[in-house]
Structures are given as C-alpha cells and as structure tokens.
Amino acid sequence: MGKKCIICYEPALFCIKDSSECYCNECAEEHFSDISLLVKVEEETKKIKELIDKKRDN
C-alpha cells in the first residue's frame, strides 16, 4: 500500500522529511513554492528497504 496525498488522497510522490505528511505532484506544487525541499517517496522507500535488509543480514 503506497502513501496517499493528505489533501486529495491520490498516490503521493513527495513527503515532508521526518513527517507522515505526503503530497501528490499537483498538491505539492500548489502548496509549496519549492518542491525540491520535499523528499521523494521513492527515496524514503529505498532507505527503509536498505535498513530492513541490513537488519535481516545481521
């Protein structure tokens, strides 16, 4: 189950770092002047998978 935009409930592409607030591309562009400051969901997912793999290998 992927993250959903907190405004329109579409699939989220961006999140605020260290927060559960996520946004689709359209809502992110509408509510933030610089979306480059937001974290892409893919990057966070990759970090979580790496942590899980590391724990499993130990």
PDB file of N, CA and C in Angstrom:
ATOM      1  N   MET A   1       0.844  -1.172   0.000  1.00  0.00           N
ATOM      2  CA  MET A   1       0.000   0.000   0.000  1.00  0.00           C
ATOM      3  C   MET A   1       0.889   1.234   0.000  1.00  0.00           C
ATOM      4  N   GLY A   2       0.735   2.088  -1.009  1.00  0.00           N
ATOM      5  CA  GLY A   2       1.548   3.279  -1.122  1.00  0.00           C
ATOM      6  C   GLY A   2       1.009   4.433  -0.304  1.00  0.00           C
ATOM      7  N   LYS A   3       1.825   5.438  -0.186  1.00  0.00           N
ATOM      8  CA  LYS A   3       1.430   6.655   0.533  1.00  0.00           C
ATOM      9  C   LYS A   3       0.408   7.417  -0.296  1.00  0.00           C
ATOM     10  N   LYS A   4      -0.499   8.103   0.398  1.00  0.00           N
ATOM     11  CA  LYS A   4      -1.543   8.891  -0.255  1.00  0.00           C
ATOM     12  C   LYS A   4      -1.368  10.360   0.101  1.00  0.00           C
ATOM     13  N   CYS A   5      -1.734  11.227  -0.810  1.00  0.00           N
ATOM     14  CA  CYS A   5      -1.710  12.670  -0.594  1.00  0.00           C
ATOM     15  C   CYS A   5      -2.691  13.017   0.527  1.00  0.00           C
ATOM     16  N   ILE A   6      -2.257  13.862   1.472  1.00  0.00           N
ATOM     17  CA  ILE A   6      -3.131  14.213   2.594  1.00  0.00           C
ATOM     18  C   ILE A   6      -4.240  15.176   2.189  1.00  0.00           C
ATOM     19  N   ILE A   7      -4.170  15.713   0.985  1.00  0.00           N
ATOM     20  CA  ILE A   7      -5.187  16.668   0.533  1.00  0.00           C
ATOM     21  C   ILE A   7      -6.223  15.999  -0.361  1.00  0.00           C
ATOM     22  N   CYS A   8      -5.759  15.314  -1.412  1.00  0.00           N
ATOM     23  CA  CYS A   8      -6.700  14.767  -2.398  1.00  0.00           C
ATOM     24  C   CYS A   8      -6.748  13.235  -2.403  1.00  0.00           C
ATOM     25  N   TYR A   9      -5.878  12.590  -1.632  1.00  0.00           N
ATOM     26  CA  TYR A   9      -5.829  11.123  -1.491  1.00  0.00           C
ATOM     27  C   TYR A   9      -5.366  10.385  -2.750  1.00  0.00           C
ATOM     28  N   GLU A  10      -4.782  11.104  -3.692  1.00  0.00           N
ATOM     29  CA  GLU A  10      -4.145  10.466  -4.844  1.00  0.00           C
ATOM     30  C   GLU A  10      -2.800   9.894  -4.378  1.00  0.00           C
ATOM     31  N   PRO A  11      -2.183   9.001  -5.163  1.00  0.00           N
ATOM     32  CA  PRO A  11      -0.871   8.477  -4.776  1.00  0.00           C
ATOM     33  C   PRO A  11       0.137   9.614  -4.571  1.00  0.00           C
ATOM     34  N   ALA A  12       0.870   9.546  -3.490  1.00  0.00           N
ATOM     35  CA  ALA A  12       1.821  10.604  -3.138  1.00  0.00           C
ATOM     36  C   ALA A  12       3.164  10.389  -3.814  1.00  0.00           C
ATOM     37  N   LEU A  13       3.792  11.494  -4.184  1.00  0.00           N
ATOM     38  CA  LEU A  13       5.132  11.465  -4.749  1.00  0.00           C
ATOM     39  C   LEU A  13       6.142  12.132  -3.834  1.00  0.00           C
ATOM     40  N   PHE A  14       5.675  13.004  -2.938  1.00  0.00           N
ATOM     41  CA  PHE A  14       6.552  13.776  -2.071  1.00  0.00           C
ATOM     42  C   PHE A  14       6.077  13.721  -0.630  1.00  0.00           C
ATOM     43  N   CYS A  15       7.032  13.810   0.300  1.00  0.00           N
ATOM     44  CA  CYS A  15       6.721  13.883   1.731  1.00  0.00           C
ATOM     45  C   CYS A  15       7.580  14.967   2.363  1.00  0.00           C
ATOM     46  N   ILE A  16       7.109  15.482   3.481  1.00  0.00           N
ATOM     47  CA  ILE A  16       7.927  16.368   4.289  1.00  0.00           C
ATOM     48  C   ILE A  16       8.866  15.471   5.084  1.00  0.00           C
ATOM     49  N   LYS A  17      10.149  15.824   5.106  1.00  0.00           N
ATOM     50  CA  LYS A  17      11.145  14.997   5.785  1.00  0.00           C
ATOM     51  C   LYS A  17      10.764  14.784   7.245  1.00  0.00           C
ATOM     52  N   ASP A  18      10.908  13.561   7.704  1.00  0.00           N
ATOM     53  CA  ASP A  18      10.620  13.162   9.089  1.00  0.00           C
ATOM     54  C   ASP A  18       9.177  13.440   9.490  1.00  0.00           C
ATOM     55  N   SER A  19       8.265  13.320   8.537  1.00  0.00           N
ATOM     56  CA  SER A  19       6.841  13.556   8.795  1.00  0.00           C
ATOM     57  C   SER A  19       6.024  12.541   8.011  1.00  0.00           C
ATOM     58  N   SER A  20       4.796  12.358   8.407  1.00  0.00           N
ATOM     59  CA  SER A  20       3.913  11.461   7.667  1.00  0.00           C
ATOM     60  C   SER A  20       3.076  12.220   6.640  1.00  0.00           C
ATOM     61  N   GLU A  21       3.306  13.528   6.505  1.00  0.00           N
ATOM     62  CA  GLU A  21       2.559  14.337   5.547  1.00  0.00           C
ATOM     63  C   GLU A  21       3.124  14.132   4.142  1.00  0.00           C
ATOM     64  N   CYS A  22       2.283  13.612   3.249  1.00  0.00           N
ATOM     65  CA  CYS A  22       2.706  13.336   1.880  1.00  0.00           C
ATOM     66  C   CYS A  22       1.763  14.016   0.900  1.00  0.00           C
ATOM     67  N   TYR A  23       2.282  14.300  -0.297  1.00  0.00           N
ATOM     68  CA  TYR A  23       1.530  15.061  -1.287  1.00  0.00           C
ATOM     69  C   TYR A  23       1.731  14.486  -2.686  1.00  0.00           C
ATOM     70  N   CYS A  24       0.692  14.572  -3.504  1.00  0.00           N
ATOM     71  CA  CYS A  24       0.840  14.242  -4.921  1.00  0.00           C
ATOM     72  C   CYS A  24       1.572  15.413  -5.580  1.00  0.00           C
ATOM     73  N   ASN A  25       1.978  15.261  -6.811  1.00  0.00           N
ATOM     74  CA  ASN A  25       2.727  16.302  -7.502  1.00  0.00           C
ATOM     75  C   ASN A  25       1.923  17.600  -7.592  1.00  0.00           C
ATOM     76  N   GLU A  26       0.658  17.507  -7.976  1.00  0.00           N
ATOM     77  CA  GLU A  26      -0.172  18.700  -8.153  1.00  0.00           C
ATOM     78  C   GLU A  26      -0.348  19.471  -6.839  1.00  0.00           C
ATOM     79  N   CYS A  27      -0.674  18.781  -5.762  1.00  0.00           N
ATOM     80  CA  CYS A  27      -0.872  19.445  -4.464  1.00  0.00           C
ATOM     81  C   CYS A  27       0.447  20.001  -3.922  1.00  0.00           C
ATOM     82  N   ALA A  28       1.550  19.286  -4.143  1.00  0.00           N
ATOM     83  CA  ALA A  28       2.857  19.772  -3.691  1.00  0.00           C
ATOM     84  C   ALA A  28       3.201  21.080  -4.392  1.00  0.00           C
ATOM     85  N   GLU A  29       3.012  21.127  -5.707  1.00  0.00           N
ATOM     86  CA  GLU A  29       3.311  22.345  -6.450  1.00  0.00           C
ATOM     87  C   GLU A  29       2.395  23.492  -6.035  1.00  0.00           C
ATOM     88  N   GLU A  30       1.152  23.174  -5.711  1.00  0.00           N
ATOM     89  CA  GLU A  30       0.184  24.196  -5.322  1.00  0.00           C
ATOM     90  C   GLU A  30       0.476  24.767  -3.931  1.00  0.00           C
ATOM     91  N   HIS A  31       0.971  23.944  -3.009  1.00  0.00           N
ATOM     92  CA  HIS A  31       1.121  24.371  -1.619  1.00  0.00           C
ATOM     93  C   HIS A  31       2.552  24.728  -1.211  1.00  0.00           C
ATOM     94  N   PHE A  32       3.536  24.391  -2.028  1.00  0.00           N
ATOM     95  CA  PHE A  32       4.929  24.686  -1.696  1.00  0.00           C
ATOM     96  C   PHE A  32       5.574  25.443  -2.843  1.00  0.00           C
ATOM     97  N   SER A  33       6.302  26.498  -2.512  1.00  0.00           N
ATOM     98  CA  SER A  33       6.940  27.289  -3.560  1.00  0.00           C
ATOM     99  C   SER A  33       8.138  26.567  -4.168  1.00  0.00           C
ATOM    100  N   ASP A  34       8.763  25.673  -3.411  1.00  0.00           N
ATOM    101  CA  ASP A  34       9.931  24.945  -3.903  1.00  0.00           C
ATOM    102  C   ASP A  34       9.813  23.474  -3.507  1.00  0.00           C
ATOM    103  N   ILE A  35       9.323  22.654  -4.434  1.00  0.00           N
ATOM    104  CA  ILE A  35       9.113  21.237  -4.103  1.00  0.00           C
ATOM    105  C   ILE A  35      10.426  20.465  -3.999  1.00  0.00           C
ATOM    106  N   SER A  36      11.544  21.084  -4.397  1.00  0.00           N
ATOM    107  CA  SER A  36      12.828  20.386  -4.255  1.00  0.00           C
ATOM    108  C   SER A  36      13.195  20.202  -2.781  1.00  0.00           C
ATOM    109  N   LEU A  37      12.544  20.940  -1.892  1.00  0.00           N
ATOM    110  CA  LEU A  37      12.792  20.790  -0.456  1.00  0.00           C
ATOM    111  C   LEU A  37      12.062  19.592   0.129  1.00  0.00           C
ATOM    112  N   LEU A  38      11.122  19.031  -0.618  1.00  0.00           N
ATOM    113  CA  LEU A  38      10.388  17.856  -0.165  1.00  0.00           C
ATOM    114  C   LEU A  38      11.163  16.592  -0.520  1.00  0.00           C
ATOM    115  N   VAL A  39      10.915  15.532   0.198  1.00  0.00           N
ATOM    116  CA  VAL A  39      11.587  14.253  -0.030  1.00  0.00           C
ATOM    117  C   VAL A  39      10.714  13.402  -0.941  1.00  0.00           C
ATOM    118  N   LYS A  40      11.321  12.834  -1.970  1.00  0.00           N
ATOM    119  CA  LYS A  40      10.558  11.948  -2.846  1.00  0.00           C
ATOM    120  C   LYS A  40      10.262  10.647  -2.116  1.00  0.00           C
ATOM    121  N   VAL A  41       9.058  10.163  -2.274  1.00  0.00           N
ATOM    122  CA  VAL A  41       8.621   8.934  -1.605  1.00  0.00           C
ATOM    123  C   VAL A  41       9.537   7.769  -1.971  1.00  0.00           C
ATOM    124  N   GLU A  42       9.979   7.709  -3.221  1.00  0.00           N
ATOM    125  CA  GLU A  42      10.861   6.624  -3.668  1.00  0.00           C
ATOM    126  C   GLU A  42      12.146   6.576  -2.850  1.00  0.00           C
ATOM    127  N   GLU A  43      12.704   7.751  -2.541  1.00  0.00           N
ATOM    128  CA  GLU A  43      13.948   7.805  -1.780  1.00  0.00           C
ATOM    129  C   GLU A  43      13.744   7.271  -0.368  1.00  0.00           C
ATOM    130  N   GLU A  44      12.648   7.643   0.258  1.00  0.00           N
ATOM    131  CA  GLU A  44      12.353   7.161   1.604  1.00  0.00           C
ATOM    132  C   GLU A  44      12.115   5.652   1.604  1.00  0.00           C
ATOM    133  N   THR A  45      11.418   5.151   0.597  1.00  0.00           N
ATOM    134  CA  THR A  45      11.159   3.715   0.485  1.00  0.00           C
ATOM    135  C   THR A  45      12.470   2.951   0.343  1.00  0.00           C
ATOM    136  N   LYS A  46      13.377   3.483  -0.459  1.00  0.00           N
ATOM    137  CA  LYS A  46      14.675   2.839  -0.661  1.00  0.00           C
ATOM    138  C   LYS A  46      15.455   2.773   0.650  1.00  0.00           C
ATOM    139  N   LYS A  47      15.444   3.864   1.426  1.00  0.00           N
ATOM    140  CA  LYS A  47      16.155   3.883   2.707  1.00  0.00           C
ATOM    141  C   LYS A  47      15.578   2.849   3.671  1.00  0.00           C
ATOM    142  N   ILE A  48      14.267   2.747   3.715  1.00  0.00           N
ATOM    143  CA  ILE A  48      13.614   1.786   4.606  1.00  0.00           C
ATOM    144  C   ILE A  48      13.972   0.357   4.206  1.00  0.00           C
ATOM    145  N   LYS A  49      13.948   0.066   2.904  1.00  0.00           N
ATOM    146  CA  LYS A  49      14.304  -1.275   2.433  1.00  0.00           C
ATOM    147  C   LYS A  49      15.742  -1.617   2.780  1.00  0.00           C
ATOM    148  N   GLU A  50      16.648  -0.637   2.650  1.00  0.00           N
ATOM    149  CA  GLU A  50      18.047  -0.878   2.989  1.00  0.00           C
ATOM    150  C   GLU A  50      18.211  -1.188   4.473  1.00  0.00           C
ATOM    151  N   LEU A  51      17.485  -0.469   5.326  1.00  0.00           N
ATOM    152  CA  LEU A  51      17.542  -0.732   6.766  1.00  0.00           C
ATOM    153  C   LEU A  51      17.027  -2.128   7.099  1.00  0.00           C
ATOM    154  N   ILE A  52      15.948  -2.530   6.462  1.00  0.00           N
ATOM    155  CA  ILE A  52      15.384  -3.861   6.694  1.00  0.00           C
ATOM    156  C   ILE A  52      16.365  -4.938   6.256  1.00  0.00           C
ATOM    157  N   ASP A  53      16.953  -4.765   5.080  1.00  0.00           N
ATOM    158  CA  ASP A  53      17.928  -5.737   4.586  1.00  0.00           C
ATOM    159  C   ASP A  53      19.134  -5.834   5.519  1.00  0.00           C
ATOM    160  N   LYS A  54      19.591  -4.696   6.005  1.00  0.00           N
ATOM    161  CA  LYS A  54      20.740  -4.673   6.908  1.00  0.00           C
ATOM    162  C   LYS A  54      20.421  -5.404   8.209  1.00  0.00           C
ATOM    163  N   LYS A  55      19.239  -5.176   8.759  1.00  0.00           N
ATOM    164  CA  LYS A  55      18.821  -5.852   9.996  1.00  0.00           C
ATOM    165  C   LYS A  55      18.689  -7.359   9.776  1.00  0.00           C
ATOM    166  N   ARG A  56      18.154  -7.730   8.627  1.00  0.00           N
ATOM    167  CA  ARG A  56      17.941  -9.141   8.318  1.00  0.00           C
ATOM    168  C   ARG A  56      19.274  -9.873   8.162  1.00  0.00           C
ATOM    169  N   ASP A  57      20.274  -9.204   7.599  1.00  0.00           N
ATOM    170  CA  ASP A  57      21.583  -9.821   7.387  1.00  0.00           C
ATOM    171  C   ASP A  57      22.365 -10.002   8.686  1.00  0.00           C
ATOM    172  N   ASN A  58      22.036  -9.252   9.706  1.00  0.00           N
ATOM    173  CA  ASN A  58      22.763  -9.353  10.993  1.00  0.00           C
ATOM    174  C   ASN A  58      22.221 -10.405  11.843  1.00  0.00           C
TER     175      ASN A  58
END
